[in-house]
Full PDB file with SEQRES, HELIX, SHEET, SSBOND, CRYST1, ORIGX, SCALE, CONECT and MASTER records, all heavy atoms in Angstrom:
SEQRES   1 A   32  ILE ASP LYS GLY LYS PHE VAL GLU VAL ARG THR GLY VAL          
SEQRES   2 A   32  ILE ALA ALA ARG GLY ASP ILE PRO VAL ILE ASP VAL GLU          
SEQRES   3 A   32  GLY LYS LEU ILE THR PRO                                      
CRYST1    1.000    1.000    1.000  90.00  90.00  90.00 P 1           1          
ORIGX1      1.000000  0.000000  0.000000        0.00000                         
ORIGX2      0.000000  1.000000  0.000000        0.00000                         
ORIGX3      0.000000  0.000000  1.000000        0.00000                         
SCALE1      1.000000  0.000000  0.000000        0.00000                         
SCALE2      0.000000  1.000000  0.000000        0.00000                         
SCALE3      0.000000  0.000000  1.000000        0.00000                         
ATOM      1  N   ILE A   1     163.807 131.063 112.990  1.00  0.00           N  
ATOM      2  CA  ILE A   1     162.562 130.470 113.447  1.00  0.00           C  
ATOM      3  C   ILE A   1     161.533 130.549 112.324  1.00  0.00           C  
ATOM      4  O   ILE A   1     161.427 131.575 111.650  1.00  0.00           O  
ATOM      5  CB  ILE A   1     162.034 131.208 114.696  1.00  0.00           C  
ATOM      6  CG1 ILE A   1     163.024 131.072 115.858  1.00  0.00           C  
ATOM      7  CG2 ILE A   1     160.651 130.705 115.093  1.00  0.00           C  
ATOM      8  CD1 ILE A   1     162.721 131.971 117.038  1.00  0.00           C  
ATOM      9  N   ASP A   2     160.802 129.472 112.136  1.00  0.00           N  
ATOM     10  CA  ASP A   2     159.745 129.477 111.131  1.00  0.00           C  
ATOM     11  C   ASP A   2     158.573 128.667 111.648  1.00  0.00           C  
ATOM     12  O   ASP A   2     158.741 127.519 112.079  1.00  0.00           O  
ATOM     13  CB  ASP A   2     160.249 128.892 109.811  1.00  0.00           C  
ATOM     14  CG  ASP A   2     159.218 129.012 108.691  1.00  0.00           C  
ATOM     15  OD1 ASP A   2     158.708 130.119 108.477  1.00  0.00           O  
ATOM     16  OD2 ASP A   2     158.919 127.978 108.070  1.00  0.00           O  
ATOM     17  N   LYS A   3     157.392 129.287 111.639  1.00  0.00           N  
ATOM     18  CA  LYS A   3     156.166 128.630 112.087  1.00  0.00           C  
ATOM     19  C   LYS A   3     156.304 128.001 113.473  1.00  0.00           C  
ATOM     20  O   LYS A   3     155.867 126.882 113.728  1.00  0.00           O  
ATOM     21  CB  LYS A   3     155.718 127.579 111.074  1.00  0.00           C  
ATOM     22  CG  LYS A   3     155.314 128.171 109.728  1.00  0.00           C  
ATOM     23  CD  LYS A   3     154.857 127.100 108.760  1.00  0.00           C  
ATOM     24  CE  LYS A   3     154.299 127.714 107.481  1.00  0.00           C  
ATOM     25  NZ  LYS A   3     155.285 128.567 106.777  1.00  0.00           N  
ATOM     26  N   GLY A   4     156.956 128.747 114.366  1.00  0.00           N  
ATOM     27  CA  GLY A   4     157.043 128.330 115.756  1.00  0.00           C  
ATOM     28  C   GLY A   4     158.083 127.281 116.065  1.00  0.00           C  
ATOM     29  O   GLY A   4     158.142 126.774 117.195  1.00  0.00           O  
ATOM     30  N   LYS A   5     158.939 126.935 115.096  1.00  0.00           N  
ATOM     31  CA  LYS A   5     159.980 125.931 115.313  1.00  0.00           C  
ATOM     32  C   LYS A   5     161.349 126.498 114.951  1.00  0.00           C  
ATOM     33  O   LYS A   5     161.473 127.402 114.123  1.00  0.00           O  
ATOM     34  CB  LYS A   5     159.716 124.683 114.451  1.00  0.00           C  
ATOM     35  CG  LYS A   5     158.420 123.950 114.756  1.00  0.00           C  
ATOM     36  CD  LYS A   5     158.484 123.216 116.079  1.00  0.00           C  
ATOM     37  CE  LYS A   5     157.261 122.355 116.329  1.00  0.00           C  
ATOM     38  NZ  LYS A   5     157.218 121.173 115.449  1.00  0.00           N  
ATOM     39  N   PHE A   6     162.387 125.946 115.586  1.00  0.00           N  
ATOM     40  CA  PHE A   6     163.744 126.287 115.186  1.00  0.00           C  
ATOM     41  C   PHE A   6     164.049 125.558 113.882  1.00  0.00           C  
ATOM     42  O   PHE A   6     163.901 124.341 113.788  1.00  0.00           O  
ATOM     43  CB  PHE A   6     164.750 125.844 116.255  1.00  0.00           C  
ATOM     44  CG  PHE A   6     164.614 126.548 117.573  1.00  0.00           C  
ATOM     45  CD1 PHE A   6     164.281 125.847 118.718  1.00  0.00           C  
ATOM     46  CD2 PHE A   6     164.820 127.915 117.673  1.00  0.00           C  
ATOM     47  CE1 PHE A   6     164.165 126.481 119.936  1.00  0.00           C  
ATOM     48  CE2 PHE A   6     164.695 128.573 118.890  1.00  0.00           C  
ATOM     49  CZ  PHE A   6     164.371 127.853 120.026  1.00  0.00           C  
ATOM     50  N   VAL A   7     164.475 126.301 112.868  1.00  0.00           N  
ATOM     51  CA  VAL A   7     164.794 125.672 111.583  1.00  0.00           C  
ATOM     52  C   VAL A   7     166.271 125.805 111.226  1.00  0.00           C  
ATOM     53  O   VAL A   7     166.759 125.106 110.335  1.00  0.00           O  
ATOM     54  CB  VAL A   7     163.921 126.245 110.447  1.00  0.00           C  
ATOM     55  CG1 VAL A   7     162.466 125.878 110.653  1.00  0.00           C  
ATOM     56  CG2 VAL A   7     164.097 127.752 110.320  1.00  0.00           C  
ATOM     57  N   GLU A   8     166.980 126.668 111.944  1.00  0.00           N  
ATOM     58  CA  GLU A   8     168.420 126.807 111.696  1.00  0.00           C  
ATOM     59  C   GLU A   8     169.064 127.428 112.929  1.00  0.00           C  
ATOM     60  O   GLU A   8     168.596 128.447 113.442  1.00  0.00           O  
ATOM     61  CB  GLU A   8     168.671 127.685 110.461  1.00  0.00           C  
ATOM     62  CG  GLU A   8     170.083 127.595 109.931  1.00  0.00           C  
ATOM     63  CD  GLU A   8     170.253 128.305 108.600  1.00  0.00           C  
ATOM     64  OE1 GLU A   8     169.245 128.818 108.061  1.00  0.00           O  
ATOM     65  OE2 GLU A   8     171.402 128.347 108.094  1.00  0.00           O  
ATOM     66  N   VAL A   9     170.131 126.794 113.410  1.00  0.00           N  
ATOM     67  CA  VAL A   9     170.861 127.285 114.580  1.00  0.00           C  
ATOM     68  C   VAL A   9     172.341 127.058 114.308  1.00  0.00           C  
ATOM     69  O   VAL A   9     172.789 125.913 114.167  1.00  0.00           O  
ATOM     70  CB  VAL A   9     170.450 126.530 115.862  1.00  0.00           C  
ATOM     71  CG1 VAL A   9     171.235 127.079 117.059  1.00  0.00           C  
ATOM     72  CG2 VAL A   9     168.960 126.612 116.107  1.00  0.00           C  
ATOM     73  N   ARG A  10     173.115 128.138 114.227  1.00  0.00           N  
ATOM     74  CA  ARG A  10     174.543 127.962 113.936  1.00  0.00           C  
ATOM     75  C   ARG A  10     175.302 129.247 114.224  1.00  0.00           C  
ATOM     76  O   ARG A  10     174.720 130.320 114.409  1.00  0.00           O  
ATOM     77  CB  ARG A  10     174.743 127.564 112.487  1.00  0.00           C  
ATOM     78  CG  ARG A  10     174.304 128.584 111.448  1.00  0.00           C  
ATOM     79  CD  ARG A  10     174.604 128.082 110.050  1.00  0.00           C  
ATOM     80  NE  ARG A  10     174.172 128.986 108.996  1.00  0.00           N  
ATOM     81  CZ  ARG A  10     174.877 130.022 108.562  1.00  0.00           C  
ATOM     82  NH1 ARG A  10     176.044 130.316 109.127  1.00  0.00           N  
ATOM     83  NH2 ARG A  10     174.415 130.788 107.586  1.00  0.00           N  
ATOM     84  N   THR A  11     176.626 129.124 114.256  1.00  0.00           N  
ATOM     85  CA  THR A  11     177.465 130.310 114.395  1.00  0.00           C  
ATOM     86  C   THR A  11     177.477 131.073 113.072  1.00  0.00           C  
ATOM     87  O   THR A  11     177.219 130.508 111.999  1.00  0.00           O  
ATOM     88  CB  THR A  11     178.906 129.917 114.764  1.00  0.00           C  
ATOM     89  OG1 THR A  11     179.421 129.014 113.782  1.00  0.00           O  
ATOM     90  CG2 THR A  11     178.951 129.249 116.129  1.00  0.00           C  
ATOM     91  N   GLY A  12     177.761 132.358 113.171  1.00  0.00           N  
ATOM     92  CA  GLY A  12     177.804 133.180 111.978  1.00  0.00           C  
ATOM     93  C   GLY A  12     176.460 133.798 111.647  1.00  0.00           C  
ATOM     94  O   GLY A  12     175.524 133.775 112.447  1.00  0.00           O  
ATOM     95  N   VAL A  13     176.356 134.325 110.457  1.00  0.00           N  
ATOM     96  CA  VAL A  13     175.177 135.059 110.012  1.00  0.00           C  
ATOM     97  C   VAL A  13     174.297 134.163 109.147  1.00  0.00           C  
ATOM     98  O   VAL A  13     174.801 133.418 108.302  1.00  0.00           O  
ATOM     99  CB  VAL A  13     175.576 136.316 109.219  1.00  0.00           C  
ATOM    100  CG1 VAL A  13     174.349 137.037 108.687  1.00  0.00           C  
ATOM    101  CG2 VAL A  13     176.414 137.245 110.096  1.00  0.00           C  
ATOM    102  N   ILE A  14     172.998 134.226 109.390  1.00  0.00           N  
ATOM    103  CA  ILE A  14     172.029 133.541 108.539  1.00  0.00           C  
ATOM    104  C   ILE A  14     171.423 134.588 107.615  1.00  0.00           C  
ATOM    105  O   ILE A  14     170.853 135.584 108.067  1.00  0.00           O  
ATOM    106  CB  ILE A  14     170.933 132.863 109.374  1.00  0.00           C  
ATOM    107  CG1 ILE A  14     171.540 131.755 110.245  1.00  0.00           C  
ATOM    108  CG2 ILE A  14     169.837 132.284 108.475  1.00  0.00           C  
ATOM    109  CD1 ILE A  14     170.546 131.091 111.184  1.00  0.00           C  
ATOM    110  N   ALA A  15     171.545 134.352 106.329  1.00  0.00           N  
ATOM    111  CA  ALA A  15     171.049 135.329 105.355  1.00  0.00           C  
ATOM    112  C   ALA A  15     169.525 135.401 105.399  1.00  0.00           C  
ATOM    113  O   ALA A  15     168.842 134.372 105.428  1.00  0.00           O  
ATOM    114  CB  ALA A  15     171.506 134.939 103.953  1.00  0.00           C  
ATOM    115  N   ALA A  16     169.021 136.614 105.440  1.00  0.00           N  
ATOM    116  CA  ALA A  16     167.571 136.824 105.467  1.00  0.00           C  
ATOM    117  C   ALA A  16     166.980 136.565 104.082  1.00  0.00           C  
ATOM    118  O   ALA A  16     167.585 136.889 103.061  1.00  0.00           O  
ATOM    119  CB  ALA A  16     167.260 138.249 105.907  1.00  0.00           C  
ATOM    120  N   ARG A  17     165.810 135.999 104.075  1.00  0.00           N  
ATOM    121  CA  ARG A  17     165.115 135.715 102.813  1.00  0.00           C  
ATOM    122  C   ARG A  17     163.827 136.516 102.780  1.00  0.00           C  
ATOM    123  O   ARG A  17     163.007 136.426 103.691  1.00  0.00           O  
ATOM    124  CB  ARG A  17     164.823 134.224 102.708  1.00  0.00           C  
ATOM    125  CG  ARG A  17     166.059 133.344 102.799  1.00  0.00           C  
ATOM    126  CD  ARG A  17     165.700 131.872 102.891  1.00  0.00           C  
ATOM    127  NE  ARG A  17     166.876 131.034 103.096  1.00  0.00           N  
ATOM    128  CZ  ARG A  17     166.835 129.725 103.320  1.00  0.00           C  
ATOM    129  NH1 ARG A  17     165.659 129.112 103.355  1.00  0.00           N  
ATOM    130  NH2 ARG A  17     167.948 129.041 103.497  1.00  0.00           N  
ATOM    131  N   GLY A  18     163.654 137.260 101.715  1.00  0.00           N  
ATOM    132  CA  GLY A  18     162.445 138.058 101.601  1.00  0.00           C  
ATOM    133  C   GLY A  18     162.378 139.123 102.681  1.00  0.00           C  
ATOM    134  O   GLY A  18     163.367 139.800 102.982  1.00  0.00           O  
ATOM    135  N   ASP A  19     161.214 139.242 103.292  1.00  0.00           N  
ATOM    136  CA  ASP A  19     161.021 140.280 104.299  1.00  0.00           C  
ATOM    137  C   ASP A  19     161.019 139.717 105.710  1.00  0.00           C  
ATOM    138  O   ASP A  19     160.369 140.247 106.611  1.00  0.00           O  
ATOM    139  CB  ASP A  19     159.710 141.025 104.036  1.00  0.00           C  
ATOM    140  CG  ASP A  19     158.507 140.082 104.021  1.00  0.00           C  
ATOM    141  OD1 ASP A  19     158.722 138.853 104.085  1.00  0.00           O  
ATOM    142  OD2 ASP A  19     157.368 140.585 103.957  1.00  0.00           O  
ATOM    143  N   ILE A  20     161.749 138.621 105.933  1.00  0.00           N  
ATOM    144  CA  ILE A  20     161.832 138.036 107.272  1.00  0.00           C  
ATOM    145  C   ILE A  20     162.508 139.038 108.216  1.00  0.00           C  
ATOM    146  O   ILE A  20     163.597 139.556 107.908  1.00  0.00           O  
ATOM    147  CB  ILE A  20     162.638 136.726 107.254  1.00  0.00           C  
ATOM    148  CG1 ILE A  20     161.922 135.662 106.417  1.00  0.00           C  
ATOM    149  CG2 ILE A  20     162.848 136.203 108.671  1.00  0.00           C  
ATOM    150  CD1 ILE A  20     162.693 134.365 106.301  1.00  0.00           C  
ATOM    151  N   PRO A  21     161.893 139.352 109.358  1.00  0.00           N  
ATOM    152  CA  PRO A  21     162.531 140.271 110.306  1.00  0.00           C  
ATOM    153  C   PRO A  21     163.854 139.713 110.818  1.00  0.00           C  
ATOM    154  O   PRO A  21     163.962 138.521 111.115  1.00  0.00           O  
ATOM    155  CB  PRO A  21     161.497 140.367 111.442  1.00  0.00           C  
ATOM    156  CG  PRO A  21     160.212 139.906 110.849  1.00  0.00           C  
ATOM    157  CD  PRO A  21     160.569 138.899 109.814  1.00  0.00           C  
ATOM    158  N   VAL A  22     164.865 140.562 110.900  1.00  0.00           N  
ATOM    159  CA  VAL A  22     166.163 140.191 111.455  1.00  0.00           C  
ATOM    160  C   VAL A  22     166.405 141.057 112.686  1.00  0.00           C  
ATOM    161  O   VAL A  22     166.389 142.291 112.595  1.00  0.00           O  
ATOM    162  CB  VAL A  22     167.294 140.380 110.428  1.00  0.00           C  
ATOM    163  CG1 VAL A  22     168.637 140.022 111.067  1.00  0.00           C  
ATOM    164  CG2 VAL A  22     167.043 139.530 109.188  1.00  0.00           C  
ATOM    165  N   ILE A  23     166.625 140.415 113.829  1.00  0.00           N  
ATOM    166  CA  ILE A  23     166.804 141.141 115.086  1.00  0.00           C  
ATOM    167  C   ILE A  23     168.220 140.938 115.588  1.00  0.00           C  
ATOM    168  O   ILE A  23     168.639 139.804 115.844  1.00  0.00           O  
ATOM    169  CB  ILE A  23     165.796 140.656 116.141  1.00  0.00           C  
ATOM    170  CG1 ILE A  23     164.372 140.865 115.628  1.00  0.00           C  
ATOM    171  CG2 ILE A  23     165.999 141.370 117.467  1.00  0.00           C  
ATOM    172  CD1 ILE A  23     163.332 140.173 116.456  1.00  0.00           C  
ATOM    173  N   ASP A  24     168.960 142.019 115.704  1.00  0.00           N  
ATOM    174  CA  ASP A  24     170.322 141.975 116.244  1.00  0.00           C  
ATOM    175  C   ASP A  24     170.218 142.085 117.769  1.00  0.00           C  
ATOM    176  O   ASP A  24     169.805 143.117 118.293  1.00  0.00           O  
ATOM    177  CB  ASP A  24     171.138 143.136 115.677  1.00  0.00           C  
ATOM    178  CG  ASP A  24     172.605 143.093 116.107  1.00  0.00           C  
ATOM    179  OD1 ASP A  24     172.948 142.297 117.006  1.00  0.00           O  
ATOM    180  OD2 ASP A  24     173.412 143.871 115.554  1.00  0.00           O  
ATOM    181  N   VAL A  25     170.591 141.024 118.468  1.00  0.00           N  
ATOM    182  CA  VAL A  25     170.475 141.045 119.935  1.00  0.00           C  
ATOM    183  C   VAL A  25     171.716 141.624 120.592  1.00  0.00           C  
ATOM    184  O   VAL A  25     171.834 141.640 121.814  1.00  0.00           O  
ATOM    185  CB  VAL A  25     170.166 139.644 120.500  1.00  0.00           C  
ATOM    186  CG1 VAL A  25     168.871 139.109 119.934  1.00  0.00           C  
ATOM    187  CG2 VAL A  25     171.313 138.675 120.225  1.00  0.00           C  
ATOM    188  N   GLU A  26     172.659 142.068 119.765  1.00  0.00           N  
ATOM    189  CA  GLU A  26     173.826 142.829 120.245  1.00  0.00           C  
ATOM    190  C   GLU A  26     174.656 142.042 121.251  1.00  0.00           C  
ATOM    191  O   GLU A  26     175.065 142.566 122.287  1.00  0.00           O  
ATOM    192  CB  GLU A  26     173.363 144.162 120.845  1.00  0.00           C  
ATOM    193  CG  GLU A  26     172.611 145.033 119.847  1.00  0.00           C  
ATOM    194  CD  GLU A  26     172.088 146.310 120.476  1.00  0.00           C  
ATOM    195  OE1 GLU A  26     172.054 146.388 121.714  1.00  0.00           O  
ATOM    196  OE2 GLU A  26     171.722 147.221 119.719  1.00  0.00           O  
ATOM    197  N   GLY A  27     174.901 140.773 120.936  1.00  0.00           N  
ATOM    198  CA  GLY A  27     175.780 139.961 121.770  1.00  0.00           C  
ATOM    199  C   GLY A  27     175.160 139.393 123.021  1.00  0.00           C  
ATOM    200  O   GLY A  27     175.855 138.743 123.824  1.00  0.00           O  
ATOM    201  N   LYS A  28     173.872 139.609 123.218  1.00  0.00           N  
ATOM    202  CA  LYS A  28     173.232 139.130 124.444  1.00  0.00           C  
ATOM    203  C   LYS A  28     173.139 137.605 124.481  1.00  0.00           C  
ATOM    204  O   LYS A  28     173.234 136.924 123.468  1.00  0.00           O  
ATOM    205  CB  LYS A  28     171.840 139.743 124.577  1.00  0.00           C  
ATOM    206  CG  LYS A  28     171.854 141.237 124.852  1.00  0.00           C  
ATOM    207  CD  LYS A  28     170.445 141.802 124.918  1.00  0.00           C  
ATOM    208  CE  LYS A  28     170.477 143.308 125.179  1.00  0.00           C  
ATOM    209  NZ  LYS A  28     169.114 143.907 125.157  1.00  0.00           N  
ATOM    210  N   LEU A  29     172.931 137.105 125.682  1.00  0.00           N  
ATOM    211  CA  LEU A  29     172.806 135.672 125.903  1.00  0.00           C  
ATOM    212  C   LEU A  29     171.401 135.197 125.559  1.00  0.00           C  
ATOM    213  O   LEU A  29     170.413 135.819 125.944  1.00  0.00           O  
ATOM    214  CB  LEU A  29     173.108 135.341 127.370  1.00  0.00           C  
ATOM    215  CG  LEU A  29     172.847 133.895 127.819  1.00  0.00           C  
ATOM    216  CD1 LEU A  29     173.791 132.941 127.109  1.00  0.00           C  
ATOM    217  CD2 LEU A  29     172.991 133.782 129.333  1.00  0.00           C  
ATOM    218  N   ILE A  30     171.321 134.087 124.827  1.00  0.00           N  
ATOM    219  CA  ILE A  30     170.042 133.436 124.539  1.00  0.00           C  
ATOM    220  C   ILE A  30     170.089 132.019 125.096  1.00  0.00           C  
ATOM    221  O   ILE A  30     171.057 131.288 124.879  1.00  0.00           O  
ATOM    222  CB  ILE A  30     169.752 133.392 123.025  1.00  0.00           C  
ATOM    223  CG1 ILE A  30     169.499 134.798 122.485  1.00  0.00           C  
ATOM    224  CG2 ILE A  30     168.563 132.497 122.721  1.00  0.00           C  
ATOM    225  CD1 ILE A  30     169.204 134.840 120.991  1.00  0.00           C  
ATOM    226  N   THR A  31     169.043 131.646 125.815  1.00  0.00           N  
ATOM    227  CA  THR A  31     168.929 130.292 126.341  1.00  0.00           C  
ATOM    228  C   THR A  31     167.585 129.708 125.910  1.00  0.00           C  
ATOM    229  O   THR A  31     166.686 130.445 125.489  1.00  0.00           O  
ATOM    230  CB  THR A  31     168.980 130.269 127.881  1.00  0.00           C  
ATOM    231  OG1 THR A  31     167.769 130.852 128.415  1.00  0.00           O  
ATOM    232  CG2 THR A  31     170.186 131.014 128.409  1.00  0.00           C  
ATOM    233  N   PRO A  32     167.433 128.388 126.024  1.00  0.00           N  
ATOM    234  CA  PRO A  32     166.093 127.830 125.820  1.00  0.00           C  
ATOM    235  C   PRO A  32     165.134 128.395 126.861  1.00  0.00           C  
ATOM    236  O   PRO A  32     165.558 128.826 127.947  1.00  0.00           O  
ATOM    237  CB  PRO A  32     166.306 126.323 126.041  1.00  0.00           C  
ATOM    238  CG  PRO A  32     167.777 126.108 125.940  1.00  0.00           C  
ATOM    239  CD  PRO A  32     168.422 127.365 126.385  1.00  0.00           C  
TER     240      PRO A  32                                                      
MASTER        0    0    0    0    0    0    0    6  239    1    0    3          
END                                                                             
């Protein structure tokens, strides 16, 4: 997420850039 919008959605890991917080939801379900 960047500036309130989805900018990348995919399977696998998205590499963090700089000091962007990364939150591991531990397999939980995410919905809109």
